[in-house]
Amino acid sequence: MSGWPDGAAEWNHRRGLRIREMVEEQQVFLGVTAIVVSPAMRQVMELVKRAARMPAAILITGETGTGKEVVARAVHHYSLRVSRPWIDFNCAALPEHLVESELFGHEKGAFSGADTLKPGLFEMAHTGTIFLDEVGELDPRVQVKLLRVLDGVPYYRVGGQKKIGVDARIVAATNQDLAEASAARRFRSDLYYRLNQCQIRVPALRERPEDIVPIAQYFLRQHAAEAEFSPAARKALEGHPWPGNIRELRNVVTHAMVAARGYQIGVEDLPPLQSGGVRPTLVRSVWGLENLEREAILTALRKTNGHHRRTAEMLGISRRTLSRKLKLYRSLAVEDSIHVA
């Protein structure tokens, strides 16, 4: 005898165990969930906990889409500044002439359009942490000013005459080889050494295969709590080298959920995936990230008969994001046969 009154009780017991396992795997840093299962990522988090207590600048390295921002948030979470401000900025998000104003602020009338005084992000991060993503994209002139801030030297706002002093812990991230960039004089070597007081490398998803299915399952349950991958689908996910890392995985899961007819996600619901056994550096996914995303959006539009609000809800994105994506597809003249106006 099994000791179970019926099959449903056993299923509920196993489901309860799995839920407790998932809670242990999930950690939330400043509102962002991290799935930490693999030994490689557990080692990263142990290093984060030790480094977070130190006042040193931290440089987080790794491929695009590996989760560098989540690691940066974990640094702030475990630091003595956790109750202080957290400010994040993508150094490639703005034109070069606006980056300096965004980081260091400007005075009223400093340039055309500067109608009011604007404190910079460093001022906003005073006593807390400022995260500079894609730091390798900084303009050389801004690099000089950043180096002085790292050295504790007060700075001027753009157009200002009064020096500003701040106490902000700097965490930077890059997918570039800054040592190579500094040797080629594309990045200041003195700034590189100052940022690289402590380096944390986030491994690519292919280097931590134990994380693949748990992360995919987390994304899947954002669409439907009852959804599960079949054994064959799990094997397919684990065998793919994921050149686009977690971002690619999320797009694949979104596509699979839209394509599936029920809560059991089979391998037939997945887009074509490259199997293992090929050197990851030479792999090019059959489906690029952009094509996967586009296909998921257009498939969802078909299911909702072109209804934008329901499509956005199905995909877990905002209507503004959906509209922006559709506008991009039109501009590239890649609309599908479905009407997306």
C-alpha atoms as a PDB file:
ATOM      1  CA  MET A   1       0.000   0.000   0.000  1.00  0.00           C
ATOM      2  CA  SER A   2       1.201   3.499  -0.775  1.00  0.00           C
ATOM      3  CA  GLY A   3      -0.188   5.044   2.396  1.00  0.00           C
ATOM      4  CA  TRP A   4      -2.055   7.679   0.414  1.00  0.00           C
ATOM      5  CA  PRO A   5      -5.873   7.749   0.557  1.00  0.00           C
ATOM      6  CA  ASP A   6      -6.055   8.644  -3.128  1.00  0.00           C
ATOM      7  CA  GLY A   7      -3.983   9.945  -6.015  1.00  0.00           C
ATOM      8  CA  ALA A   8      -5.113  13.519  -5.470  1.00  0.00           C
ATOM      9  CA  ALA A   9      -3.591  13.610  -1.986  1.00  0.00           C
ATOM     10  CA  GLU A  10      -0.227  12.420  -3.297  1.00  0.00           C
ATOM     11  CA  TRP A  11      -0.343  14.982  -6.088  1.00  0.00           C
ATOM     12  CA  ASN A  12      -1.136  17.755  -3.601  1.00  0.00           C
ATOM     13  CA  HIS A  13       1.697  16.621  -1.336  1.00  0.00           C
ATOM     14  CA  ARG A  14       4.213  16.655  -4.161  1.00  0.00           C
ATOM     15  CA  ARG A  15       2.931  20.007  -5.379  1.00  0.00           C
ATOM     16  CA  GLY A  16       3.340  21.412  -1.861  1.00  0.00           C
ATOM     17  CA  LEU A  17       6.930  20.167  -1.717  1.00  0.00           C
ATOM     18  CA  ARG A  18       7.662  21.743  -5.090  1.00  0.00           C
ATOM     19  CA  ILE A  19       6.170  25.066  -4.015  1.00  0.00           C
ATOM     20  CA  ARG A  20       8.402  25.077  -0.920  1.00  0.00           C
ATOM     21  CA  GLU A  21      11.412  24.288  -3.124  1.00  0.00           C
ATOM     22  CA  MET A  22      10.525  27.182  -5.426  1.00  0.00           C
ATOM     23  CA  VAL A  23      10.273  29.573  -2.484  1.00  0.00           C
ATOM     24  CA  GLU A  24      13.765  28.540  -1.423  1.00  0.00           C
ATOM     25  CA  GLU A  25      15.054  29.048  -4.979  1.00  0.00           C
ATOM     26  CA  GLN A  26      13.534  32.511  -5.378  1.00  0.00           C
ATOM     27  CA  GLN A  27      15.043  35.640  -3.882  1.00  0.00           C
ATOM     28  CA  VAL A  28      13.670  39.147  -4.346  1.00  0.00           C
ATOM     29  CA  PHE A  29      16.012  42.129  -4.603  1.00  0.00           C
ATOM     30  CA  LEU A  30      14.389  45.576  -4.772  1.00  0.00           C
ATOM     31  CA  GLY A  31      11.262  44.109  -6.314  1.00  0.00           C
ATOM     32  CA  VAL A  32      13.046  41.911  -8.881  1.00  0.00           C
ATOM     33  CA  THR A  33      12.960  38.120  -8.493  1.00  0.00           C
ATOM     34  CA  ALA A  34      16.157  36.106  -8.869  1.00  0.00           C
ATOM     35  CA  ILE A  35      16.131  32.329  -9.366  1.00  0.00           C
ATOM     36  CA  VAL A  36      19.247  30.861  -7.756  1.00  0.00           C
ATOM     37  CA  VAL A  37      19.579  27.101  -8.156  1.00  0.00           C
ATOM     38  CA  SER A  38      22.922  26.276  -9.760  1.00  0.00           C
ATOM     39  CA  PRO A  39      26.172  26.005  -7.793  1.00  0.00           C
ATOM     40  CA  ALA A  40      27.631  28.686 -10.079  1.00  0.00           C
ATOM     41  CA  MET A  41      24.987  31.253  -9.141  1.00  0.00           C
ATOM     42  CA  ARG A  42      25.098  30.289  -5.483  1.00  0.00           C
ATOM     43  CA  GLN A  43      28.814  31.109  -5.548  1.00  0.00           C
ATOM     44  CA  VAL A  44      28.043  34.449  -7.189  1.00  0.00           C
ATOM     45  CA  MET A  45      25.541  35.285  -4.451  1.00  0.00           C
ATOM     46  CA  GLU A  46      28.025  34.347  -1.739  1.00  0.00           C
ATOM     47  CA  LEU A  47      30.538  36.733  -3.297  1.00  0.00           C
ATOM     48  CA  VAL A  48      27.832  39.412  -3.508  1.00  0.00           C
ATOM     49  CA  LYS A  49      27.105  39.103   0.215  1.00  0.00           C
ATOM     50  CA  ARG A  50      30.783  39.516   1.101  1.00  0.00           C
ATOM     51  CA  ALA A  51      31.436  42.358  -1.330  1.00  0.00           C
ATOM     52  CA  ALA A  52      28.261  44.228  -0.399  1.00  0.00           C
ATOM     53  CA  ARG A  53      29.567  44.941   3.100  1.00  0.00           C
ATOM     54  CA  MET A  54      32.717  46.565   1.734  1.00  0.00           C
ATOM     55  CA  PRO A  55      32.802  50.239   0.628  1.00  0.00           C
ATOM     56  CA  ALA A  56      34.640  49.381  -2.609  1.00  0.00           C
ATOM     57  CA  ALA A  57      33.292  50.039  -6.094  1.00  0.00           C
ATOM     58  CA  ILE A  58      32.033  46.886  -7.803  1.00  0.00           C
ATOM     59  CA  LEU A  59      32.249  46.009 -11.479  1.00  0.00           C
ATOM     60  CA  ILE A  60      29.785  43.357 -12.670  1.00  0.00           C
ATOM     61  CA  THR A  61      30.720  41.650 -15.930  1.00  0.00           C
ATOM     62  CA  GLY A  62      28.994  39.115 -18.152  1.00  0.00           C
ATOM     63  CA  GLU A  63      27.224  38.623 -21.435  1.00  0.00           C
ATOM     64  CA  THR A  64      24.085  40.531 -22.351  1.00  0.00           C
ATOM     65  CA  GLY A  65      20.987  39.119 -20.682  1.00  0.00           C
ATOM     66  CA  THR A  66      22.699  37.161 -17.903  1.00  0.00           C
ATOM     67  CA  GLY A  67      21.121  39.143 -15.051  1.00  0.00           C
ATOM     68  CA  LYS A  68      23.787  41.704 -14.162  1.00  0.00           C
ATOM     69  CA  GLU A  69      21.196  44.208 -12.955  1.00  0.00           C
ATOM     70  CA  VAL A  70      19.693  41.642 -10.577  1.00  0.00           C
ATOM     71  CA  VAL A  71      23.167  41.046  -9.125  1.00  0.00           C
ATOM     72  CA  ALA A  72      23.633  44.807  -8.730  1.00  0.00           C
ATOM     73  CA  ARG A  73      20.340  45.035  -6.862  1.00  0.00           C
ATOM     74  CA  ALA A  74      21.489  42.172  -4.646  1.00  0.00           C
ATOM     75  CA  VAL A  75      24.624  44.170  -3.785  1.00  0.00           C
ATOM     76  CA  HIS A  76      22.462  47.038  -2.532  1.00  0.00           C
ATOM     77  CA  HIS A  77      20.112  44.604  -0.777  1.00  0.00           C
ATOM     78  CA  TYR A  78      22.934  43.064   1.266  1.00  0.00           C
ATOM     79  CA  SER A  79      24.830  46.315   1.871  1.00  0.00           C
ATOM     80  CA  LEU A  80      24.710  48.617   4.873  1.00  0.00           C
ATOM     81  CA  ARG A  81      23.013  51.162   2.575  1.00  0.00           C
ATOM     82  CA  VAL A  82      19.932  49.016   1.984  1.00  0.00           C
ATOM     83  CA  SER A  83      17.617  51.586   3.586  1.00  0.00           C
ATOM     84  CA  ARG A  84      19.135  54.376   1.507  1.00  0.00           C
ATOM     85  CA  PRO A  85      18.384  55.399  -2.103  1.00  0.00           C
ATOM     86  CA  TRP A  86      18.907  53.044  -5.032  1.00  0.00           C
ATOM     87  CA  ILE A  87      19.410  54.794  -8.377  1.00  0.00           C
ATOM     88  CA  ASP A  88      20.013  53.002 -11.664  1.00  0.00           C
ATOM     89  CA  PHE A  89      21.040  54.453 -15.010  1.00  0.00           C
ATOM     90  CA  ASN A  90      21.760  52.917 -18.417  1.00  0.00           C
ATOM     91  CA  CYS A  91      24.755  54.770 -19.836  1.00  0.00           C
ATOM     92  CA  ALA A  92      23.723  53.916 -23.398  1.00  0.00           C
ATOM     93  CA  ALA A  93      20.122  55.064 -23.019  1.00  0.00           C
ATOM     94  CA  LEU A  94      20.661  58.757 -23.764  1.00  0.00           C
ATOM     95  CA  PRO A  95      22.621  60.770 -26.333  1.00  0.00           C
ATOM     96  CA  GLU A  96      26.136  61.627 -25.178  1.00  0.00           C
ATOM     97  CA  HIS A  97      25.386  65.324 -24.649  1.00  0.00           C
ATOM     98  CA  LEU A  98      22.589  64.483 -22.187  1.00  0.00           C
ATOM     99  CA  VAL A  99      24.409  61.864 -20.101  1.00  0.00           C
ATOM    100  CA  GLU A 100      26.505  64.378 -18.175  1.00  0.00           C
ATOM    101  CA  SER A 101      23.438  66.446 -17.299  1.00  0.00           C
ATOM    102  CA  GLU A 102      21.547  63.319 -16.195  1.00  0.00           C
ATOM    103  CA  LEU A 103      24.332  62.068 -13.942  1.00  0.00           C
ATOM    104  CA  PHE A 104      25.596  65.342 -12.503  1.00  0.00           C
ATOM    105  CA  GLY A 105      22.642  67.695 -12.937  1.00  0.00           C
ATOM    106  CA  HIS A 106      22.463  71.140 -14.481  1.00  0.00           C
ATOM    107  CA  GLU A 107      21.679  74.704 -13.498  1.00  0.00           C
ATOM    108  CA  LYS A 108      18.809  76.711 -14.923  1.00  0.00           C
ATOM    109  CA  GLY A 109      19.824  78.198 -18.249  1.00  0.00           C
ATOM    110  CA  ALA A 110      22.885  75.948 -18.612  1.00  0.00           C
ATOM    111  CA  PHE A 111      21.794  75.073 -22.153  1.00  0.00           C
ATOM    112  CA  SER A 112      18.800  75.377 -24.437  1.00  0.00           C
ATOM    113  CA  GLY A 113      15.823  73.707 -22.759  1.00  0.00           C
ATOM    114  CA  ALA A 114      17.293  73.855 -19.233  1.00  0.00           C
ATOM    115  CA  ASP A 115      14.348  75.803 -17.829  1.00  0.00           C
ATOM    116  CA  THR A 116      14.857  74.726 -14.216  1.00  0.00           C
ATOM    117  CA  LEU A 117      17.619  73.518 -11.927  1.00  0.00           C
ATOM    118  CA  LYS A 118      17.942  69.734 -12.108  1.00  0.00           C
ATOM    119  CA  PRO A 119      19.781  67.666  -9.474  1.00  0.00           C
ATOM    120  CA  GLY A 120      21.789  64.838 -10.988  1.00  0.00           C
ATOM    121  CA  LEU A 121      21.436  61.146 -10.261  1.00  0.00           C
ATOM    122  CA  PHE A 122      24.538  61.205  -8.079  1.00  0.00           C
ATOM    123  CA  GLU A 123      22.864  63.756  -5.809  1.00  0.00           C
ATOM    124  CA  MET A 124      19.742  61.608  -5.710  1.00  0.00           C
ATOM    125  CA  ALA A 125      21.879  58.600  -4.745  1.00  0.00           C
ATOM    126  CA  HIS A 126      23.565  60.424  -1.841  1.00  0.00           C
ATOM    127  CA  THR A 127      24.214  57.950   1.040  1.00  0.00           C
ATOM    128  CA  GLY A 128      22.888  55.133  -1.166  1.00  0.00           C
ATOM    129  CA  THR A 129      23.910  53.223  -4.285  1.00  0.00           C
ATOM    130  CA  ILE A 130      24.064  54.266  -7.929  1.00  0.00           C
ATOM    131  CA  PHE A 131      24.138  51.551 -10.576  1.00  0.00           C
ATOM    132  CA  LEU A 132      25.714  52.430 -13.932  1.00  0.00           C
ATOM    133  CA  ASP A 133      24.708  49.837 -16.514  1.00  0.00           C
ATOM    134  CA  GLU A 134      26.673  49.575 -19.773  1.00  0.00           C
ATOM    135  CA  VAL A 135      29.379  51.774 -18.269  1.00  0.00           C
ATOM    136  CA  GLY A 136      31.663  51.021 -21.210  1.00  0.00           C
ATOM    137  CA  GLU A 137      29.475  53.286 -23.360  1.00  0.00           C
ATOM    138  CA  LEU A 138      30.333  56.456 -21.410  1.00  0.00           C
ATOM    139  CA  ASP A 139      31.720  59.413 -23.322  1.00  0.00           C
ATOM    140  CA  PRO A 140      35.427  60.108 -22.496  1.00  0.00           C
ATOM    141  CA  ARG A 141      34.555  63.519 -21.070  1.00  0.00           C
ATOM    142  CA  VAL A 142      32.046  61.982 -18.669  1.00  0.00           C
ATOM    143  CA  GLN A 143      34.586  59.294 -17.771  1.00  0.00           C
ATOM    144  CA  VAL A 144      36.926  62.004 -16.452  1.00  0.00           C
ATOM    145  CA  LYS A 145      34.209  63.499 -14.269  1.00  0.00           C
ATOM    146  CA  LEU A 146      33.134  60.060 -13.013  1.00  0.00           C
ATOM    147  CA  LEU A 147      36.707  59.251 -12.044  1.00  0.00           C
ATOM    148  CA  ARG A 148      36.862  62.397  -9.912  1.00  0.00           C
ATOM    149  CA  VAL A 149      33.596  61.494  -8.202  1.00  0.00           C
ATOM    150  CA  LEU A 150      34.956  58.021  -7.455  1.00  0.00           C
ATOM    151  CA  ASP A 151      37.965  59.678  -5.868  1.00  0.00           C
ATOM    152  CA  GLY A 152      35.645  61.703  -3.610  1.00  0.00           C
ATOM    153  CA  VAL A 153      36.244  65.035  -5.355  1.00  0.00           C
ATOM    154  CA  PRO A 154      33.249  67.421  -5.413  1.00  0.00           C
ATOM    155  CA  TYR A 155      31.982  68.333  -8.893  1.00  0.00           C
ATOM    156  CA  TYR A 156      30.018  71.069 -10.633  1.00  0.00           C
ATOM    157  CA  ARG A 157      26.594  70.667 -12.133  1.00  0.00           C
ATOM    158  CA  VAL A 158      26.531  71.515 -15.841  1.00  0.00           C
ATOM    159  CA  GLY A 159      26.630  75.309 -15.964  1.00  0.00           C
ATOM    160  CA  GLY A 160      27.085  75.495 -12.196  1.00  0.00           C
ATOM    161  CA  GLN A 161      29.486  77.483 -10.028  1.00  0.00           C
ATOM    162  CA  LYS A 162      28.988  75.663  -6.738  1.00  0.00           C
ATOM    163  CA  LYS A 163      30.649  72.331  -6.102  1.00  0.00           C
ATOM    164  CA  ILE A 164      28.535  69.352  -5.087  1.00  0.00           C
ATOM    165  CA  GLY A 165      29.835  66.639  -2.796  1.00  0.00           C
ATOM    166  CA  VAL A 166      28.135  63.236  -2.626  1.00  0.00           C
ATOM    167  CA  ASP A 167      28.602  59.945  -0.838  1.00  0.00           C
ATOM    168  CA  ALA A 168      27.303  57.261  -3.178  1.00  0.00           C
ATOM    169  CA  ARG A 169      28.422  53.674  -3.591  1.00  0.00           C
ATOM    170  CA  ILE A 170      29.051  52.939  -7.279  1.00  0.00           C
ATOM    171  CA  VAL A 171      28.179  49.611  -8.863  1.00  0.00           C
ATOM    172  CA  ALA A 172      28.851  49.370 -12.599  1.00  0.00           C
ATOM    173  CA  ALA A 173      28.111  46.692 -15.173  1.00  0.00           C
ATOM    174  CA  THR A 174      29.344  45.947 -18.663  1.00  0.00           C
ATOM    175  CA  ASN A 175      29.266  43.237 -21.311  1.00  0.00           C
ATOM    176  CA  GLN A 176      32.502  44.582 -22.769  1.00  0.00           C
ATOM    177  CA  ASP A 177      36.080  43.624 -21.968  1.00  0.00           C
ATOM    178  CA  LEU A 178      37.113  46.893 -20.312  1.00  0.00           C
ATOM    179  CA  ALA A 179      40.711  45.723 -19.890  1.00  0.00           C
ATOM    180  CA  GLU A 180      40.920  45.323 -23.668  1.00  0.00           C
ATOM    181  CA  ALA A 181      39.047  48.587 -24.211  1.00  0.00           C
ATOM    182  CA  SER A 182      41.447  50.468 -21.937  1.00  0.00           C
ATOM    183  CA  ALA A 183      44.459  48.922 -23.707  1.00  0.00           C
ATOM    184  CA  ALA A 184      42.972  50.151 -26.994  1.00  0.00           C
ATOM    185  CA  ARG A 185      42.340  53.572 -25.387  1.00  0.00           C
ATOM    186  CA  ARG A 186      38.586  53.322 -25.870  1.00  0.00           C
ATOM    187  CA  PHE A 187      38.089  53.439 -22.103  1.00  0.00           C
ATOM    188  CA  ARG A 188      40.214  55.249 -19.522  1.00  0.00           C
ATOM    189  CA  SER A 189      42.526  52.773 -17.812  1.00  0.00           C
ATOM    190  CA  ASP A 190      42.544  54.759 -14.563  1.00  0.00           C
ATOM    191  CA  LEU A 191      38.733  54.655 -14.437  1.00  0.00           C
ATOM    192  CA  TYR A 192      38.760  50.936 -15.210  1.00  0.00           C
ATOM    193  CA  TYR A 193      41.117  50.209 -12.305  1.00  0.00           C
ATOM    194  CA  ARG A 194      39.012  52.413 -10.013  1.00  0.00           C
ATOM    195  CA  LEU A 195      35.762  50.662 -10.962  1.00  0.00           C
ATOM    196  CA  ASN A 196      37.362  47.227 -10.813  1.00  0.00           C
ATOM    197  CA  GLN A 197      38.153  47.224  -7.087  1.00  0.00           C
ATOM    198  CA  CYS A 198      35.920  44.178  -6.850  1.00  0.00           C
ATOM    199  CA  GLN A 199      34.743  42.277  -9.919  1.00  0.00           C
ATOM    200  CA  ILE A 200      31.775  39.915 -10.008  1.00  0.00           C
ATOM    201  CA  ARG A 201      31.326  37.866 -13.156  1.00  0.00           C
ATOM    202  CA  VAL A 202      27.819  36.606 -13.886  1.00  0.00           C
ATOM    203  CA  PRO A 203      28.062  33.286 -15.762  1.00  0.00           C
ATOM    204  CA  ALA A 204      26.184  32.775 -19.010  1.00  0.00           C
ATOM    205  CA  LEU A 205      23.067  30.626 -18.850  1.00  0.00           C
ATOM    206  CA  ARG A 206      24.819  27.777 -20.674  1.00  0.00           C
ATOM    207  CA  GLU A 207      27.348  27.692 -17.789  1.00  0.00           C
ATOM    208  CA  ARG A 208      24.591  27.121 -15.220  1.00  0.00           C
ATOM    209  CA  PRO A 209      22.228  24.604 -16.818  1.00  0.00           C
ATOM    210  CA  GLU A 210      20.559  23.843 -13.458  1.00  0.00           C
ATOM    211  CA  ASP A 211      18.953  27.294 -13.636  1.00  0.00           C
ATOM    212  CA  ILE A 212      17.365  26.923 -17.076  1.00  0.00           C
ATOM    213  CA  VAL A 213      14.175  25.003 -16.252  1.00  0.00           C
ATOM    214  CA  PRO A 214      13.483  26.774 -12.914  1.00  0.00           C
ATOM    215  CA  ILE A 215      13.790  30.172 -14.610  1.00  0.00           C
ATOM    216  CA  ALA A 216      11.629  29.014 -17.514  1.00  0.00           C
ATOM    217  CA  GLN A 217       9.044  27.664 -15.072  1.00  0.00           C
ATOM    218  CA  TYR A 218       9.023  30.994 -13.224  1.00  0.00           C
ATOM    219  CA  PHE A 219       8.342  32.879 -16.461  1.00  0.00           C
ATOM    220  CA  LEU A 220       5.694  30.323 -17.427  1.00  0.00           C
ATOM    221  CA  ARG A 221       3.794  30.715 -14.158  1.00  0.00           C
ATOM    222  CA  GLN A 222       3.638  34.457 -14.672  1.00  0.00           C
ATOM    223  CA  HIS A 223       1.239  33.579 -17.508  1.00  0.00           C
ATOM    224  CA  ALA A 224      -0.572  30.685 -15.815  1.00  0.00           C
ATOM    225  CA  ALA A 225       0.051  29.230 -12.353  1.00  0.00           C
ATOM    226  CA  GLU A 226      -1.050  25.734 -13.469  1.00  0.00           C
ATOM    227  CA  ALA A 227       1.227  25.545 -16.509  1.00  0.00           C
ATOM    228  CA  GLU A 228       4.022  22.958 -16.654  1.00  0.00           C
ATOM    229  CA  PHE A 229       6.637  21.859 -19.165  1.00  0.00           C
ATOM    230  CA  SER A 230       6.565  18.275 -20.380  1.00  0.00           C
ATOM    231  CA  PRO A 231       9.706  16.158 -19.824  1.00  0.00           C
ATOM    232  CA  ALA A 232      10.547  16.463 -23.532  1.00  0.00           C
ATOM    233  CA  ALA A 233      10.182  20.245 -23.411  1.00  0.00           C
ATOM    234  CA  ARG A 234      12.424  20.438 -20.336  1.00  0.00           C
ATOM    235  CA  LYS A 235      15.059  18.378 -22.117  1.00  0.00           C
ATOM    236  CA  ALA A 236      14.879  20.656 -25.161  1.00  0.00           C
ATOM    237  CA  LEU A 237      15.292  23.744 -22.984  1.00  0.00           C
ATOM    238  CA  GLU A 238      18.263  22.240 -21.155  1.00  0.00           C
ATOM    239  CA  GLY A 239      19.937  21.244 -24.433  1.00  0.00           C
ATOM    240  CA  HIS A 240      19.855  24.724 -25.987  1.00  0.00           C
ATOM    241  CA  PRO A 241      23.023  26.873 -25.531  1.00  0.00           C
ATOM    242  CA  TRP A 242      21.030  30.108 -25.062  1.00  0.00           C
ATOM    243  CA  PRO A 243      23.237  32.641 -26.841  1.00  0.00           C
ATOM    244  CA  GLY A 244      20.732  35.316 -25.785  1.00  0.00           C
ATOM    245  CA  ASN A 245      20.757  34.078 -22.172  1.00  0.00           C
ATOM    246  CA  ILE A 246      17.774  34.849 -19.912  1.00  0.00           C
ATOM    247  CA  ARG A 247      16.222  37.351 -22.314  1.00  0.00           C
ATOM    248  CA  GLU A 248      16.095  34.705 -25.027  1.00  0.00           C
ATOM    249  CA  LEU A 249      14.667  32.182 -22.568  1.00  0.00           C
ATOM    250  CA  ARG A 250      11.895  34.556 -21.577  1.00  0.00           C
ATOM    251  CA  ASN A 251      10.927  35.121 -25.204  1.00  0.00           C
ATOM    252  CA  VAL A 252      10.862  31.375 -25.839  1.00  0.00           C
ATOM    253  CA  VAL A 253       8.583  30.816 -22.851  1.00  0.00           C
ATOM    254  CA  THR A 254       6.239  33.597 -23.973  1.00  0.00           C
ATOM    255  CA  HIS A 255       6.040  32.081 -27.449  1.00  0.00           C
ATOM    256  CA  ALA A 256       5.389  28.618 -26.008  1.00  0.00           C
ATOM    257  CA  MET A 257       2.591  29.832 -23.750  1.00  0.00           C
ATOM    258  CA  VAL A 258       0.896  31.631 -26.623  1.00  0.00           C
ATOM    259  CA  ALA A 259       1.256  28.617 -28.939  1.00  0.00           C
ATOM    260  CA  ALA A 260       0.109  26.001 -26.417  1.00  0.00           C
ATOM    261  CA  ARG A 261      -3.494  24.767 -26.421  1.00  0.00           C
ATOM    262  CA  GLY A 262      -3.480  23.844 -22.743  1.00  0.00           C
ATOM    263  CA  TYR A 263      -1.439  24.038 -19.561  1.00  0.00           C
ATOM    264  CA  GLN A 264       0.920  21.216 -20.584  1.00  0.00           C
ATOM    265  CA  ILE A 265       3.710  22.835 -22.622  1.00  0.00           C
ATOM    266  CA  GLY A 266       5.112  20.281 -25.042  1.00  0.00           C
ATOM    267  CA  VAL A 267       8.218  20.391 -27.165  1.00  0.00           C
ATOM    268  CA  GLU A 268       5.991  21.086 -30.173  1.00  0.00           C
ATOM    269  CA  ASP A 269       4.978  24.387 -28.553  1.00  0.00           C
ATOM    270  CA  LEU A 270       8.574  25.612 -28.437  1.00  0.00           C
ATOM    271  CA  PRO A 271      10.128  27.517 -31.340  1.00  0.00           C
ATOM    272  CA  PRO A 272      13.022  25.739 -33.094  1.00  0.00           C
ATOM    273  CA  LEU A 273      15.942  25.444 -30.686  1.00  0.00           C
ATOM    274  CA  GLN A 274      19.581  24.663 -31.380  1.00  0.00           C
ATOM    275  CA  SER A 275      20.587  21.415 -29.661  1.00  0.00           C
ATOM    276  CA  GLY A 276      23.757  21.129 -27.603  1.00  0.00           C
ATOM    277  CA  GLY A 277      27.076  19.744 -28.724  1.00  0.00           C
ATOM    278  CA  VAL A 278      28.145  22.850 -30.686  1.00  0.00           C
ATOM    279  CA  ARG A 279      30.588  25.380 -29.364  1.00  0.00           C
ATOM    280  CA  PRO A 280      28.366  28.136 -27.893  1.00  0.00           C
ATOM    281  CA  THR A 281      30.534  30.901 -29.358  1.00  0.00           C
ATOM    282  CA  LEU A 282      29.789  29.568 -32.842  1.00  0.00           C
ATOM    283  CA  VAL A 283      26.078  29.013 -32.305  1.00  0.00           C
ATOM    284  CA  ARG A 284      23.527  31.275 -33.906  1.00  0.00           C
ATOM    285  CA  SER A 285      20.011  30.558 -32.815  1.00  0.00           C
ATOM    286  CA  VAL A 286      17.587  29.699 -35.592  1.00  0.00           C
ATOM    287  CA  TRP A 287      15.249  32.178 -34.017  1.00  0.00           C
ATOM    288  CA  GLY A 288      16.853  35.499 -33.056  1.00  0.00           C
ATOM    289  CA  LEU A 289      15.462  37.296 -30.038  1.00  0.00           C
ATOM    290  CA  GLU A 290      13.715  39.873 -32.198  1.00  0.00           C
ATOM    291  CA  ASN A 291      12.050  37.225 -34.379  1.00  0.00           C
ATOM    292  CA  LEU A 292      10.928  35.254 -31.326  1.00  0.00           C
ATOM    293  CA  GLU A 293       9.417  38.346 -29.771  1.00  0.00           C
ATOM    294  CA  ARG A 294       7.706  39.384 -32.988  1.00  0.00           C
ATOM    295  CA  GLU A 295       6.285  35.911 -33.559  1.00  0.00           C
ATOM    296  CA  ALA A 296       4.918  35.746 -30.003  1.00  0.00           C
ATOM    297  CA  ILE A 297       3.237  39.136 -30.388  1.00  0.00           C
ATOM    298  CA  LEU A 298       1.705  38.354 -33.765  1.00  0.00           C
ATOM    299  CA  THR A 299       0.501  34.933 -32.608  1.00  0.00           C
ATOM    300  CA  ALA A 300      -1.164  36.559 -29.592  1.00  0.00           C
ATOM    301  CA  LEU A 301      -2.783  39.142 -31.869  1.00  0.00           C
ATOM    302  CA  ARG A 302      -4.265  36.351 -33.958  1.00  0.00           C
ATOM    303  CA  LYS A 303      -5.711  34.686 -30.869  1.00  0.00           C
ATOM    304  CA  THR A 304      -7.326  37.941 -29.736  1.00  0.00           C
ATOM    305  CA  ASN A 305      -8.428  38.961 -33.244  1.00  0.00           C
ATOM    306  CA  GLY A 306      -6.161  41.997 -33.119  1.00  0.00           C
ATOM    307  CA  HIS A 307      -7.412  43.278 -29.742  1.00  0.00           C
ATOM    308  CA  HIS A 308      -4.481  45.247 -28.301  1.00  0.00           C
ATOM    309  CA  ARG A 309      -5.502  45.316 -24.638  1.00  0.00           C
ATOM    310  CA  ARG A 310      -6.147  41.573 -24.429  1.00  0.00           C
ATOM    311  CA  THR A 311      -2.961  40.877 -26.378  1.00  0.00           C
ATOM    312  CA  ALA A 312      -0.894  42.971 -23.966  1.00  0.00           C
ATOM    313  CA  GLU A 313      -2.467  41.194 -20.990  1.00  0.00           C
ATOM    314  CA  MET A 314      -1.793  37.780 -22.537  1.00  0.00           C
ATOM    315  CA  LEU A 315       1.877  38.658 -23.107  1.00  0.00           C
ATOM    316  CA  GLY A 316       2.342  40.376 -19.744  1.00  0.00           C
ATOM    317  CA  ILE A 317       3.405  43.696 -21.279  1.00  0.00           C
ATOM    318  CA  SER A 318       1.906  47.186 -21.296  1.00  0.00           C
ATOM    319  CA  ARG A 319      -0.216  48.482 -24.156  1.00  0.00           C
ATOM    320  CA  ARG A 320       2.389  51.198 -24.696  1.00  0.00           C
ATOM    321  CA  THR A 321       5.108  48.564 -25.188  1.00  0.00           C
ATOM    322  CA  LEU A 322       2.864  46.615 -27.563  1.00  0.00           C
ATOM    323  CA  SER A 323       2.108  49.743 -29.610  1.00  0.00           C
ATOM    324  CA  ARG A 324       5.803  50.608 -29.787  1.00  0.00           C
ATOM    325  CA  LYS A 325       6.681  47.118 -31.010  1.00  0.00           C
ATOM    326  CA  LEU A 326       3.969  47.152 -33.676  1.00  0.00           C
ATOM    327  CA  LYS A 327       5.114  50.566 -34.873  1.00  0.00           C
ATOM    328  CA  LEU A 328       8.641  49.189 -35.195  1.00  0.00           C
ATOM    329  CA  TYR A 329       7.419  46.203 -37.223  1.00  0.00           C
ATOM    330  CA  ARG A 330       5.573  48.506 -39.602  1.00  0.00           C
ATOM    331  CA  SER A 331       8.623  50.709 -40.057  1.00  0.00           C
ATOM    332  CA  LEU A 332      10.684  47.646 -40.957  1.00  0.00           C
ATOM    333  CA  ALA A 333       7.976  46.477 -43.354  1.00  0.00           C
ATOM    334  CA  VAL A 334       7.754  43.083 -41.653  1.00  0.00           C
ATOM    335  CA  GLU A 335       4.071  42.950 -40.794  1.00  0.00           C
ATOM    336  CA  ASP A 336       2.496  39.555 -40.885  1.00  0.00           C
ATOM    337  CA  SER A 337      -0.749  38.854 -42.741  1.00  0.00           C
ATOM    338  CA  ILE A 338      -2.740  39.853 -39.648  1.00  0.00           C
ATOM    339  CA  HIS A 339      -4.060  43.398 -39.486  1.00  0.00           C
ATOM    340  CA  VAL A 340      -2.155  45.205 -36.721  1.00  0.00           C
ATOM    341  CA  ALA A 341      -3.363  48.765 -37.219  1.00  0.00           C
END
